[in-house]
Protein backbone atom coordinates (compact mmCIF):
# COMPACT_ATOMS: atom_id res chain seq x y z
CA MET A 1 31.76 62.56 77.34
CA SER A 2 34.56 64.34 78.09
CA TYR A 3 34.24 68.13 78.09
CA ARG A 4 35.89 69.76 75.66
CA PRO A 5 35.50 73.95 76.37
CA THR A 6 35.42 76.66 73.82
CA VAL A 7 37.45 79.72 73.75
CA ARG A 8 34.58 81.18 75.65
CA GLY A 9 34.40 78.22 78.21
CA ARG A 10 38.41 78.49 78.90
CA ARG A 11 37.70 82.67 79.35
CA LEU A 12 34.80 81.53 81.91
CA ALA A 13 37.38 79.60 83.95
CA ARG A 14 39.69 82.17 83.88
CA GLU A 15 37.89 85.17 85.03
CA LEU A 16 36.25 82.30 88.10
CA ARG A 17 39.96 81.97 89.01
CA THR A 18 40.73 85.46 88.98
CA LEU A 19 37.73 86.46 91.01
CA ARG A 20 38.42 84.18 93.97
CA GLU A 21 42.55 85.38 94.05
CA LYS A 22 41.28 89.19 93.93
CA ARG A 23 39.24 88.01 97.44
CA GLY A 24 42.32 85.85 98.63
CA LEU A 25 40.81 82.84 98.76
CA THR A 26 42.44 79.53 98.22
CA LEU A 27 40.53 76.93 96.49
CA GLN A 28 39.55 74.88 99.52
CA GLU A 29 37.96 77.90 101.42
CA VAL A 30 35.68 78.53 98.04
CA ALA A 31 35.33 74.45 98.42
CA ASP A 32 33.89 74.58 101.83
CA ARG A 33 31.92 77.48 101.77
CA LEU A 34 29.97 76.01 98.66
CA SER A 35 30.02 72.63 99.82
CA MET A 36 32.09 71.43 96.75
CA SER A 37 34.82 69.48 96.61
CA ARG A 38 38.56 71.37 96.29
CA ALA A 39 38.73 69.33 92.88
CA THR A 40 35.47 70.22 91.60
CA VAL A 41 36.65 74.00 92.40
CA SER A 42 39.93 73.60 90.55
CA ARG A 43 38.37 71.80 87.63
CA LEU A 44 36.02 74.66 87.01
CA GLU A 45 38.90 77.20 86.86
CA THR A 46 40.83 75.08 84.73
CA ALA A 47 38.11 74.07 82.21
CA GLN A 48 38.60 70.53 82.77
CA THR A 49 34.73 70.14 83.62
CA ARG A 50 31.45 71.67 82.13
CA PRO A 51 30.12 74.68 84.27
CA LYS A 52 26.47 74.47 85.83
CA ALA A 53 24.68 77.73 85.46
CA GLU A 54 23.20 77.32 89.04
CA ASP A 55 27.12 76.43 90.06
CA ILE A 56 27.99 80.01 88.30
CA GLN A 57 25.52 81.57 89.78
CA ARG A 58 26.38 80.38 93.41
CA PHE A 59 30.13 81.34 92.72
CA LEU A 60 29.04 85.25 91.54
CA ASP A 61 27.17 85.15 94.76
CA LEU A 62 30.28 83.88 97.54
CA TYR A 63 32.23 86.28 95.22
CA GLY A 64 29.35 89.41 95.14
CA VAL A 65 30.06 90.00 91.83
CA PRO A 66 27.79 92.98 91.60
CA SER A 67 25.77 93.88 87.69
CA PRO A 68 26.67 94.51 84.82
CA GLU A 69 29.68 92.36 85.56
CA ARG A 70 27.77 89.51 86.49
CA ASP A 71 25.20 89.81 83.70
CA ALA A 72 28.31 89.46 81.42
CA LEU A 73 29.76 86.50 83.56
CA SER A 74 26.28 84.52 83.40
CA ASN A 75 26.01 84.99 79.72
CA LEU A 76 29.09 83.84 79.17
CA ALA A 77 28.52 80.76 81.32
CA SER A 78 25.12 80.16 79.13
CA ALA A 79 28.01 80.73 76.06
CA ALA A 80 30.29 78.08 77.28
CA GLN A 81 27.05 75.36 78.07
CA ARG A 82 26.13 75.36 74.77
CA ARG A 83 27.56 72.54 72.53
CA GLY A 84 28.83 72.79 69.19
CA TRP A 85 28.77 70.01 65.80
CA TRP A 86 31.78 68.99 67.14
CA THR A 87 29.93 67.03 69.86
CA ALA A 88 28.47 64.82 67.17
CA TYR A 89 32.32 63.82 66.26
CA SER A 90 32.90 62.77 70.06
CA ASP A 91 34.49 59.31 68.80
CA VAL A 92 36.95 61.89 66.36
CA PHE A 93 37.70 64.91 68.06
CA THR A 94 39.53 64.03 71.30
CA GLY A 95 40.77 67.42 72.28
CA SER A 96 39.40 71.08 72.52
CA TYR A 97 41.34 71.78 69.22
CA VAL A 98 38.57 71.55 66.74
CA ALA A 99 36.26 73.88 69.00
CA MET A 100 38.83 76.50 69.35
CA GLU A 101 39.71 76.50 65.79
CA HIS A 102 35.74 76.98 64.91
CA GLU A 103 36.45 80.76 67.12
CA ALA A 104 39.36 81.47 66.11
CA SER A 105 39.51 85.24 63.74
CA LEU A 106 43.09 84.03 62.50
CA ILE A 107 44.98 80.65 61.88
CA ARG A 108 48.74 80.70 61.46
CA THR A 109 50.25 76.88 60.46
CA TRP A 110 53.47 75.27 59.82
CA ASP A 111 53.50 72.22 59.07
CA PRO A 112 56.60 70.56 57.13
CA GLN A 113 54.61 67.33 55.98
CA LEU A 114 51.20 67.70 54.80
CA VAL A 115 48.79 69.98 53.94
CA HIS A 116 46.61 71.30 56.70
CA GLY A 117 43.22 69.66 57.11
CA LEU A 118 41.22 72.63 56.35
CA LEU A 119 42.89 73.00 52.82
CA GLN A 120 43.00 69.11 52.62
CA THR A 121 40.80 67.97 49.19
CA GLU A 122 38.40 64.73 50.13
CA ASP A 123 41.16 61.78 48.29
CA TYR A 124 43.92 63.44 49.85
CA ALA A 125 42.50 63.24 53.17
CA ARG A 126 41.67 59.87 52.96
CA ALA A 127 44.87 58.67 52.44
CA VAL A 128 46.38 61.07 55.23
CA ILE A 129 43.38 59.39 57.30
CA THR A 130 44.33 55.83 56.42
CA ALA A 131 47.90 55.77 56.45
CA GLY A 132 48.87 58.13 59.79
CA ARG A 133 45.55 57.08 61.60
CA MET A 134 46.10 53.03 60.55
CA LEU A 135 42.39 52.64 60.84
CA PRO A 136 41.35 49.05 60.23
CA LYS A 137 37.71 49.20 59.09
CA PRO A 138 36.71 51.62 55.93
CA GLU A 139 33.79 53.21 57.83
CA ASP A 140 35.96 54.59 60.79
CA VAL A 141 37.93 56.53 57.82
CA GLU A 142 34.82 57.49 55.92
CA ARG A 143 33.69 58.59 59.63
CA ARG A 144 37.04 60.62 60.02
CA LEU A 145 36.34 62.32 56.42
CA ALA A 146 32.74 63.39 57.20
CA ALA A 147 33.82 65.24 60.24
CA ARG A 148 36.77 67.12 57.90
CA ARG A 149 34.53 68.39 55.93
CA THR A 150 32.33 69.77 58.43
CA ARG A 151 35.38 71.33 59.88
CA GLN A 152 35.94 72.58 56.54
CA ALA A 153 32.55 74.65 56.58
CA LEU A 154 33.87 77.20 58.91
CA LEU A 155 35.98 78.36 55.44
CA GLU A 156 32.41 78.92 54.35
CA ARG A 157 31.23 81.71 56.97
CA PRO A 158 31.18 85.20 56.04
CA ASP A 159 32.87 85.67 59.31
CA ALA A 160 36.00 83.19 58.53
CA PRO A 161 38.75 82.92 59.80
CA LEU A 162 42.46 84.30 58.07
CA VAL A 163 44.17 81.48 57.04
CA HIS A 164 47.71 81.63 56.63
CA MET A 165 49.47 78.35 56.26
CA VAL A 166 53.17 77.84 55.68
CA VAL A 167 54.61 74.17 54.16
CA ASP A 168 57.43 73.21 53.11
CA GLU A 169 58.38 72.22 49.48
CA ALA A 170 58.54 68.45 50.15
CA VAL A 171 54.63 68.81 50.63
CA LEU A 172 54.29 69.28 46.81
CA ARG A 173 56.46 66.40 45.99
CA ARG A 174 55.26 63.91 48.23
CA PRO A 175 52.71 61.95 45.98
CA ILE A 176 50.42 61.30 49.20
CA GLY A 177 47.14 59.28 47.61
CA GLY A 178 49.14 58.92 44.41
CA PRO A 179 49.99 61.49 41.52
CA GLU A 180 46.68 62.18 40.42
CA VAL A 181 45.46 62.70 43.59
CA LEU A 182 48.09 65.19 45.13
CA ALA A 183 47.79 67.26 41.45
CA GLU A 184 44.17 67.66 42.30
CA GLN A 185 44.97 68.54 46.17
CA LEU A 186 47.37 71.34 44.59
CA ARG A 187 45.25 72.91 42.16
CA HIS A 188 42.76 73.21 44.91
CA LEU A 189 45.32 75.24 46.82
CA VAL A 190 46.01 77.26 44.15
CA ARG A 191 42.37 78.05 44.02
CA LEU A 192 42.03 78.59 47.87
CA ALA A 193 44.21 80.92 47.47
CA GLU A 194 43.09 83.36 45.58
CA ARG A 195 40.78 84.01 48.47
CA ASP A 196 41.30 87.00 50.32
CA ARG A 197 41.33 85.62 53.66
CA ILE A 198 43.56 82.98 52.82
CA THR A 199 47.69 83.32 52.37
CA VAL A 200 49.65 80.21 51.27
CA GLN A 201 53.11 79.91 51.40
CA ILE A 202 56.20 77.31 50.86
CA LEU A 203 59.28 77.03 52.06
CA PRO A 204 61.70 76.00 49.41
CA PHE A 205 64.09 73.84 49.46
CA THR A 206 66.97 76.23 48.80
CA VAL A 207 66.12 77.10 52.32
CA ARG A 208 68.80 75.42 54.79
CA GLU A 209 68.97 75.39 57.96
CA HIS A 210 65.27 77.37 59.62
CA ALA A 211 63.22 77.72 62.52
CA GLY A 212 60.59 75.26 61.47
CA LEU A 213 62.99 72.25 61.98
CA ASP A 214 61.26 71.24 65.46
CA GLY A 215 58.15 70.41 63.78
CA ARG A 216 54.67 71.46 63.15
CA PHE A 217 52.50 73.92 65.13
CA THR A 218 49.31 76.09 64.78
CA ILE A 219 48.38 79.52 66.45
CA LEU A 220 45.12 80.32 66.97
CA SER A 221 44.19 83.77 67.39
CA PHE A 222 40.41 84.96 68.49
CA PRO A 223 38.34 88.65 68.14
CA ASP A 224 38.14 89.22 71.45
CA PRO A 225 41.41 90.40 73.36
CA ALA A 226 40.65 88.96 76.67
CA ASP A 227 40.91 85.68 74.98
CA PRO A 228 44.73 85.22 74.14
CA ASP A 229 46.35 83.07 71.75
CA ILE A 230 46.93 79.47 71.91
CA ALA A 231 49.57 77.30 70.47
CA TYR A 232 48.68 74.05 69.34
CA VAL A 233 50.91 70.66 68.53
CA GLU A 234 49.57 67.62 67.51
CA GLY A 235 51.33 64.23 67.91
CA THR A 236 50.76 60.60 67.81
CA MET A 237 51.33 60.36 71.69
CA GLY A 238 48.89 63.25 72.10
CA ASP A 239 48.25 67.03 71.73
CA VAL A 240 50.26 69.64 73.65
CA TYR A 241 48.50 73.09 73.91
CA VAL A 242 50.69 76.00 74.66
CA GLU A 243 49.57 78.80 76.67
CA SER A 244 51.65 80.67 78.46
CA ILE A 245 52.68 83.89 77.23
CA ALA A 246 56.11 83.72 76.71
CA GLU A 247 55.96 80.34 74.87
CA ILE A 248 52.96 82.02 72.53
CA ALA A 249 55.29 84.70 72.27
CA SER A 250 58.13 82.19 71.10
CA HIS A 251 55.71 79.98 68.73
CA GLY A 252 54.89 83.75 67.09
CA GLU A 253 58.30 84.40 66.11
CA ARG A 254 59.35 81.38 65.17
CA PHE A 255 56.16 81.04 62.52
CA GLN A 256 57.30 84.84 61.83
CA ARG A 257 60.33 83.89 60.83
CA ILE A 258 59.42 80.56 58.67
CA ALA A 259 57.30 82.88 56.84
CA GLU A 260 59.96 85.24 56.23
CA ALA A 261 62.05 82.68 54.94
CA ALA A 262 59.14 81.25 52.30
CA LEU A 263 58.40 81.98 49.26
CA PRO A 264 56.13 85.16 48.95
CA PRO A 265 52.37 84.36 48.30
CA GLU A 266 52.38 85.20 44.58
CA GLU A 267 55.72 82.87 44.16
CA SER A 268 54.37 80.13 45.67
CA ALA A 269 51.50 79.95 43.82
CA ARG A 270 53.33 79.54 41.12
CA LEU A 271 55.00 76.96 42.52
CA VAL A 272 52.64 75.23 43.58
CA ALA A 273 50.72 75.45 40.08
CA ASP A 274 54.19 74.06 38.69
CA ALA A 275 53.95 71.05 40.67
CA ALA A 276 50.54 70.18 39.78
CA ARG A 277 51.00 69.74 36.38
CA SER A 278 54.22 67.96 36.96
CA ASN A 279 51.93 65.46 38.58
CA SER A 280 48.83 65.19 36.34
């Protein structure tokens, strides 16, 4: 099973690299001193392999990390090893996105074609999965629907993240699953938008060129300032994670411009409700 690092796993990897660099050691020097391969040390520093508690202790010994920093890193290593609910769906989720989404405190998302997966009804999701994934067997579709239902449970947590979704007006017009399925999806959106922690905005057709023309993306922010934002772009040829400070800032500005061009939440809710009625 491939390793899908959580936010804590990525933070631990960054800390290991920082400790090595502060001590002026190369990857090869650390590998030689710990009797590891250079590739193993590199994978641990880039969160590409699951850290073992005993290995982390060896790193901390080598770097001479004292308490309380050592205790904090040991606890972080323990947290990074815990498996989340998504590991039961390793056949569905191929990347780290769901693990990171689970720990996010703010989710900002722009999509010109679809309602975000967290806010989809089951029938709408079934139509999207069936068409978009081109799955040959009904049981494969149902498996993905079960995973999506479990994923959506994070909206019901006491510490549910803030969700800010902006979609193009086309999402309200394309009858995915048929008019009735779309109508129920739109009514569901109206209900969700009444929650304090969910904001839904529509970018209307009256807006011409705009900052979202390059396609959909999601930005995840986390409660701990030590964990930087991550931008995520999903595609048929693979997923892309954007983590550089400059690129994250660019995506943040892009999202802000899209949101400013979109209708305010109240007007958006009225437009969504009108579209639901027209499809009923």
